[in-house]
Amino acid sequence: MQGIIEAVCVSSNKGERKTPVPRVTLLPNHGIAGDAHAGAWHRQVSLLALESIEKMQRLGLAVDAGDFAENITTKGVDLVSLPLGTRLHLGETILEVTQIGKECHNRCAIYYQAGDCVMPKEGIFARVLRGGEVKPGDAVAVEADGRSRGRVDFP
């Protein structure tokens, strides 16, 4: 499965939309430098497919990359079908899928606008195994066997 990075986004605070930026630096076992969600836990980086955003646009919402608080917007990879432990190569970096979807404790502004939000069902989370810089246009590839060699350990 091969795709592309459509956008990379960051925010200074949790619970807010993220802003697209030209490039980000992923730090091993930490996440995106300067992003509010980075840290020594299993949800260091969030990813959402452009196809999921387009689904909400077809419902009449004026939403775009970062509006669902995702760090990386991809195109051409069926993110929610990837099993836990899948390794993703984004440009020079390697991520490992640690969670698919999330419980939405507080309904976000998108939910109130549309009556639904795609991030809890279609967003995925990963930890950074190999760091580096990523930017829109970089390739996204699922590792050949799709799975890591070991189990998913959370710091």
C-alpha atoms as a PDB file:
ATOM      1  CA  MET A   1       0.000   0.000   0.000  1.00  0.00           C
ATOM      2  CA  GLN A   2       1.528   3.317  -1.087  1.00  0.00           C
ATOM      3  CA  GLY A   3       0.300   6.834  -0.437  1.00  0.00           C
ATOM      4  CA  ILE A   4       1.411  10.398   0.071  1.00  0.00           C
ATOM      5  CA  ILE A   5       1.479  12.955   2.853  1.00  0.00           C
ATOM      6  CA  GLU A   6      -1.031  15.703   2.072  1.00  0.00           C
ATOM      7  CA  ALA A   7      -0.385  17.881   5.148  1.00  0.00           C
ATOM      8  CA  VAL A   8       1.564  18.027   8.407  1.00  0.00           C
ATOM      9  CA  CYS A   9      -0.001  19.938  11.313  1.00  0.00           C
ATOM     10  CA  VAL A  10       0.818  21.041  14.863  1.00  0.00           C
ATOM     11  CA  SER A  11      -0.816  22.799  17.788  1.00  0.00           C
ATOM     12  CA  SER A  12       0.531  24.379  20.962  1.00  0.00           C
ATOM     13  CA  ASN A  13      -2.352  23.125  23.119  1.00  0.00           C
ATOM     14  CA  LYS A  14      -4.366  19.934  23.382  1.00  0.00           C
ATOM     15  CA  GLY A  15      -8.049  20.117  22.480  1.00  0.00           C
ATOM     16  CA  GLU A  16      -7.671  22.492  19.552  1.00  0.00           C
ATOM     17  CA  ARG A  17      -7.445  22.233  15.790  1.00  0.00           C
ATOM     18  CA  LYS A  18      -3.947  21.900  14.392  1.00  0.00           C
ATOM     19  CA  THR A  19      -2.354  24.287  11.921  1.00  0.00           C
ATOM     20  CA  PRO A  20      -0.750  23.035   8.695  1.00  0.00           C
ATOM     21  CA  VAL A  21       2.970  23.822   8.495  1.00  0.00           C
ATOM     22  CA  PRO A  22       5.563  23.318   5.715  1.00  0.00           C
ATOM     23  CA  ARG A  23       7.421  20.505   7.559  1.00  0.00           C
ATOM     24  CA  VAL A  24       7.741  18.828  10.935  1.00  0.00           C
ATOM     25  CA  THR A  25      10.494  16.985  12.769  1.00  0.00           C
ATOM     26  CA  LEU A  26       9.586  13.628  14.291  1.00  0.00           C
ATOM     27  CA  LEU A  27      11.626  12.677  17.346  1.00  0.00           C
ATOM     28  CA  PRO A  28      12.059   8.983  18.286  1.00  0.00           C
ATOM     29  CA  ASN A  29       9.873   7.895  21.212  1.00  0.00           C
ATOM     30  CA  HIS A  30       8.493  11.429  21.493  1.00  0.00           C
ATOM     31  CA  GLY A  31       6.463  12.586  18.488  1.00  0.00           C
ATOM     32  CA  ILE A  32       6.479  15.865  16.595  1.00  0.00           C
ATOM     33  CA  ALA A  33       8.801  18.532  17.963  1.00  0.00           C
ATOM     34  CA  GLY A  34       6.713  21.399  19.334  1.00  0.00           C
ATOM     35  CA  ASP A  35       3.344  19.622  19.194  1.00  0.00           C
ATOM     36  CA  ALA A  36       1.096  19.516  22.274  1.00  0.00           C
ATOM     37  CA  HIS A  37       0.453  15.763  21.943  1.00  0.00           C
ATOM     38  CA  ALA A  38       4.115  14.704  21.790  1.00  0.00           C
ATOM     39  CA  GLY A  39       5.557  12.798  24.720  1.00  0.00           C
ATOM     40  CA  ALA A  40       6.549   9.410  26.075  1.00  0.00           C
ATOM     41  CA  TRP A  41       3.264   7.621  25.426  1.00  0.00           C
ATOM     42  CA  HIS A  42       1.632   5.520  22.718  1.00  0.00           C
ATOM     43  CA  ARG A  43      -0.242   8.349  20.940  1.00  0.00           C
ATOM     44  CA  GLN A  44       2.751  10.424  19.870  1.00  0.00           C
ATOM     45  CA  VAL A  45       1.485  11.139  16.343  1.00  0.00           C
ATOM     46  CA  SER A  46      -2.056  11.117  14.950  1.00  0.00           C
ATOM     47  CA  LEU A  47      -2.915  10.382  11.333  1.00  0.00           C
ATOM     48  CA  LEU A  48      -6.113  10.824   9.362  1.00  0.00           C
ATOM     49  CA  ALA A  49      -6.770  10.070   5.694  1.00  0.00           C
ATOM     50  CA  LEU A  50      -7.756  12.881   3.352  1.00  0.00           C
ATOM     51  CA  GLU A  51     -10.522  10.535   2.211  1.00  0.00           C
ATOM     52  CA  SER A  52     -12.048  10.784   5.724  1.00  0.00           C
ATOM     53  CA  ILE A  53     -11.911  14.594   5.609  1.00  0.00           C
ATOM     54  CA  GLU A  54     -13.520  14.571   2.160  1.00  0.00           C
ATOM     55  CA  LYS A  55     -16.359  12.462   3.591  1.00  0.00           C
ATOM     56  CA  MET A  56     -17.113  15.275   6.064  1.00  0.00           C
ATOM     57  CA  GLN A  57     -16.808  17.884   3.287  1.00  0.00           C
ATOM     58  CA  ARG A  58     -19.489  15.997   1.327  1.00  0.00           C
ATOM     59  CA  LEU A  59     -21.743  16.460   4.380  1.00  0.00           C
ATOM     60  CA  GLY A  60     -21.382  20.203   3.835  1.00  0.00           C
ATOM     61  CA  LEU A  61     -18.673  20.988   6.379  1.00  0.00           C
ATOM     62  CA  ALA A  62     -15.941  23.482   5.582  1.00  0.00           C
ATOM     63  CA  VAL A  63     -13.121  21.383   7.053  1.00  0.00           C
ATOM     64  CA  ASP A  64      -9.576  20.716   5.958  1.00  0.00           C
ATOM     65  CA  ALA A  65      -6.298  19.202   7.129  1.00  0.00           C
ATOM     66  CA  GLY A  66      -5.684  19.758  10.839  1.00  0.00           C
ATOM     67  CA  ASP A  67      -9.324  20.510  11.668  1.00  0.00           C
ATOM     68  CA  PHE A  68      -9.703  17.091  13.323  1.00  0.00           C
ATOM     69  CA  ALA A  69      -6.536  17.686  15.381  1.00  0.00           C
ATOM     70  CA  GLU A  70      -4.561  15.196  13.298  1.00  0.00           C
ATOM     71  CA  ASN A  71      -0.828  15.678  12.884  1.00  0.00           C
ATOM     72  CA  ILE A  72      -0.473  14.025   9.508  1.00  0.00           C
ATOM     73  CA  THR A  73      -3.037  13.898   6.718  1.00  0.00           C
ATOM     74  CA  THR A  74      -2.430  11.095   4.227  1.00  0.00           C
ATOM     75  CA  LYS A  75      -3.893  10.154   0.863  1.00  0.00           C
ATOM     76  CA  GLY A  76      -4.084   6.717  -0.697  1.00  0.00           C
ATOM     77  CA  VAL A  77      -3.593   4.528   2.400  1.00  0.00           C
ATOM     78  CA  ASP A  78      -6.544   2.826   4.118  1.00  0.00           C
ATOM     79  CA  LEU A  79      -5.344   3.748   7.602  1.00  0.00           C
ATOM     80  CA  VAL A  80      -8.154   2.134   9.603  1.00  0.00           C
ATOM     81  CA  SER A  81      -7.495  -1.263   8.012  1.00  0.00           C
ATOM     82  CA  LEU A  82      -3.923  -1.367   9.335  1.00  0.00           C
ATOM     83  CA  PRO A  83      -3.478  -3.722  12.294  1.00  0.00           C
ATOM     84  CA  LEU A  84      -1.740  -2.644  15.478  1.00  0.00           C
ATOM     85  CA  GLY A  85       2.008  -2.962  15.123  1.00  0.00           C
ATOM     86  CA  THR A  86       2.014  -2.005  11.439  1.00  0.00           C
ATOM     87  CA  ARG A  87       5.084  -0.014  10.491  1.00  0.00           C
ATOM     88  CA  LEU A  88       4.620   3.005   8.267  1.00  0.00           C
ATOM     89  CA  HIS A  89       7.456   4.680   6.398  1.00  0.00           C
ATOM     90  CA  LEU A  90       6.786   8.399   6.028  1.00  0.00           C
ATOM     91  CA  GLY A  91       9.632   9.944   4.082  1.00  0.00           C
ATOM     92  CA  GLU A  92      12.752   9.068   6.093  1.00  0.00           C
ATOM     93  CA  THR A  93      10.848   8.237   9.282  1.00  0.00           C
ATOM     94  CA  ILE A  94       9.267   5.053  10.612  1.00  0.00           C
ATOM     95  CA  LEU A  95       6.121   4.986  12.753  1.00  0.00           C
ATOM     96  CA  GLU A  96       4.421   2.033  14.447  1.00  0.00           C
ATOM     97  CA  VAL A  97       0.616   1.958  14.691  1.00  0.00           C
ATOM     98  CA  THR A  98      -0.379   1.766  18.373  1.00  0.00           C
ATOM     99  CA  GLN A  99      -4.097   2.631  18.369  1.00  0.00           C
ATOM    100  CA  ILE A 100      -6.960   2.821  15.899  1.00  0.00           C
ATOM    101  CA  GLY A 101      -9.647   5.335  16.732  1.00  0.00           C
ATOM    102  CA  LYS A 102     -10.174   6.816  20.167  1.00  0.00           C
ATOM    103  CA  GLU A 103     -12.840   7.456  22.701  1.00  0.00           C
ATOM    104  CA  CYS A 104     -14.151  10.982  22.367  1.00  0.00           C
ATOM    105  CA  HIS A 105     -14.697  12.166  25.942  1.00  0.00           C
ATOM    106  CA  ASN A 106     -15.739  15.696  25.018  1.00  0.00           C
ATOM    107  CA  ARG A 107     -17.678  16.301  21.854  1.00  0.00           C
ATOM    108  CA  CYS A 108     -15.633  18.559  19.588  1.00  0.00           C
ATOM    109  CA  ALA A 109     -16.884  21.502  17.559  1.00  0.00           C
ATOM    110  CA  ILE A 110     -16.935  19.312  14.442  1.00  0.00           C
ATOM    111  CA  TYR A 111     -19.309  16.869  16.129  1.00  0.00           C
ATOM    112  CA  TYR A 112     -21.722  19.682  16.977  1.00  0.00           C
ATOM    113  CA  GLN A 113     -21.568  21.050  13.420  1.00  0.00           C
ATOM    114  CA  ALA A 114     -22.101  17.717  11.667  1.00  0.00           C
ATOM    115  CA  GLY A 115     -23.514  15.384  14.262  1.00  0.00           C
ATOM    116  CA  ASP A 116     -20.457  13.192  13.778  1.00  0.00           C
ATOM    117  CA  CYS A 117     -16.656  13.296  13.775  1.00  0.00           C
ATOM    118  CA  VAL A 118     -14.361  10.968  11.837  1.00  0.00           C
ATOM    119  CA  MET A 119     -11.298  11.087  14.097  1.00  0.00           C
ATOM    120  CA  PRO A 120     -12.630   8.752  16.834  1.00  0.00           C
ATOM    121  CA  LYS A 121     -13.472   6.086  14.226  1.00  0.00           C
ATOM    122  CA  GLU A 122     -11.038   6.650  11.373  1.00  0.00           C
ATOM    123  CA  GLY A 123      -7.982   8.307  12.905  1.00  0.00           C
ATOM    124  CA  ILE A 124      -4.981   6.257  13.937  1.00  0.00           C
ATOM    125  CA  PHE A 125      -2.169   6.856  16.389  1.00  0.00           C
ATOM    126  CA  ALA A 126       1.467   5.869  16.251  1.00  0.00           C
ATOM    127  CA  ARG A 127       4.760   6.133  18.033  1.00  0.00           C
ATOM    128  CA  VAL A 128       7.966   7.259  16.340  1.00  0.00           C
ATOM    129  CA  LEU A 129      10.567   4.521  15.868  1.00  0.00           C
ATOM    130  CA  ARG A 130      12.934   6.440  13.564  1.00  0.00           C
ATOM    131  CA  GLY A 131      12.836  10.212  13.503  1.00  0.00           C
ATOM    132  CA  GLY A 132      13.475  12.756  10.820  1.00  0.00           C
ATOM    133  CA  GLU A 133      11.759  15.449   8.841  1.00  0.00           C
ATOM    134  CA  VAL A 134       8.485  14.929   6.968  1.00  0.00           C
ATOM    135  CA  LYS A 135       6.551  17.275   4.717  1.00  0.00           C
ATOM    136  CA  PRO A 136       3.655  17.291   2.273  1.00  0.00           C
ATOM    137  CA  GLY A 137       4.524  15.311  -0.833  1.00  0.00           C
ATOM    138  CA  ASP A 138       6.600  12.702   1.004  1.00  0.00           C
ATOM    139  CA  ALA A 139       5.717   9.081   0.316  1.00  0.00           C
ATOM    140  CA  VAL A 140       3.782   6.924   2.791  1.00  0.00           C
ATOM    141  CA  ALA A 141       4.460   3.199   2.557  1.00  0.00           C
ATOM    142  CA  VAL A 142       3.293   0.265   4.630  1.00  0.00           C
ATOM    143  CA  GLU A 143       6.236  -2.003   5.463  1.00  0.00           C
ATOM    144  CA  ALA A 144       6.341  -5.015   3.122  1.00  0.00           C
ATOM    145  CA  ASP A 145       4.968  -7.518   5.633  1.00  0.00           C
ATOM    146  CA  GLY A 146       2.854  -4.784   7.200  1.00  0.00           C
ATOM    147  CA  ARG A 147       3.779  -5.737  10.749  1.00  0.00           C
ATOM    148  CA  SER A 148       6.586  -5.031  13.142  1.00  0.00           C
ATOM    149  CA  ARG A 149       8.885  -7.872  14.102  1.00  0.00           C
ATOM    150  CA  GLY A 150       8.026  -7.632  17.788  1.00  0.00           C
ATOM    151  CA  ARG A 151       5.084  -6.739  19.962  1.00  0.00           C
ATOM    152  CA  VAL A 152       3.838  -3.213  20.518  1.00  0.00           C
ATOM    153  CA  ASP A 153       5.363  -1.953  23.759  1.00  0.00           C
ATOM    154  CA  PHE A 154       4.254   1.331  25.207  1.00  0.00           C
ATOM    155  CA  PRO A 155       6.779   3.448  27.080  1.00  0.00           C
END
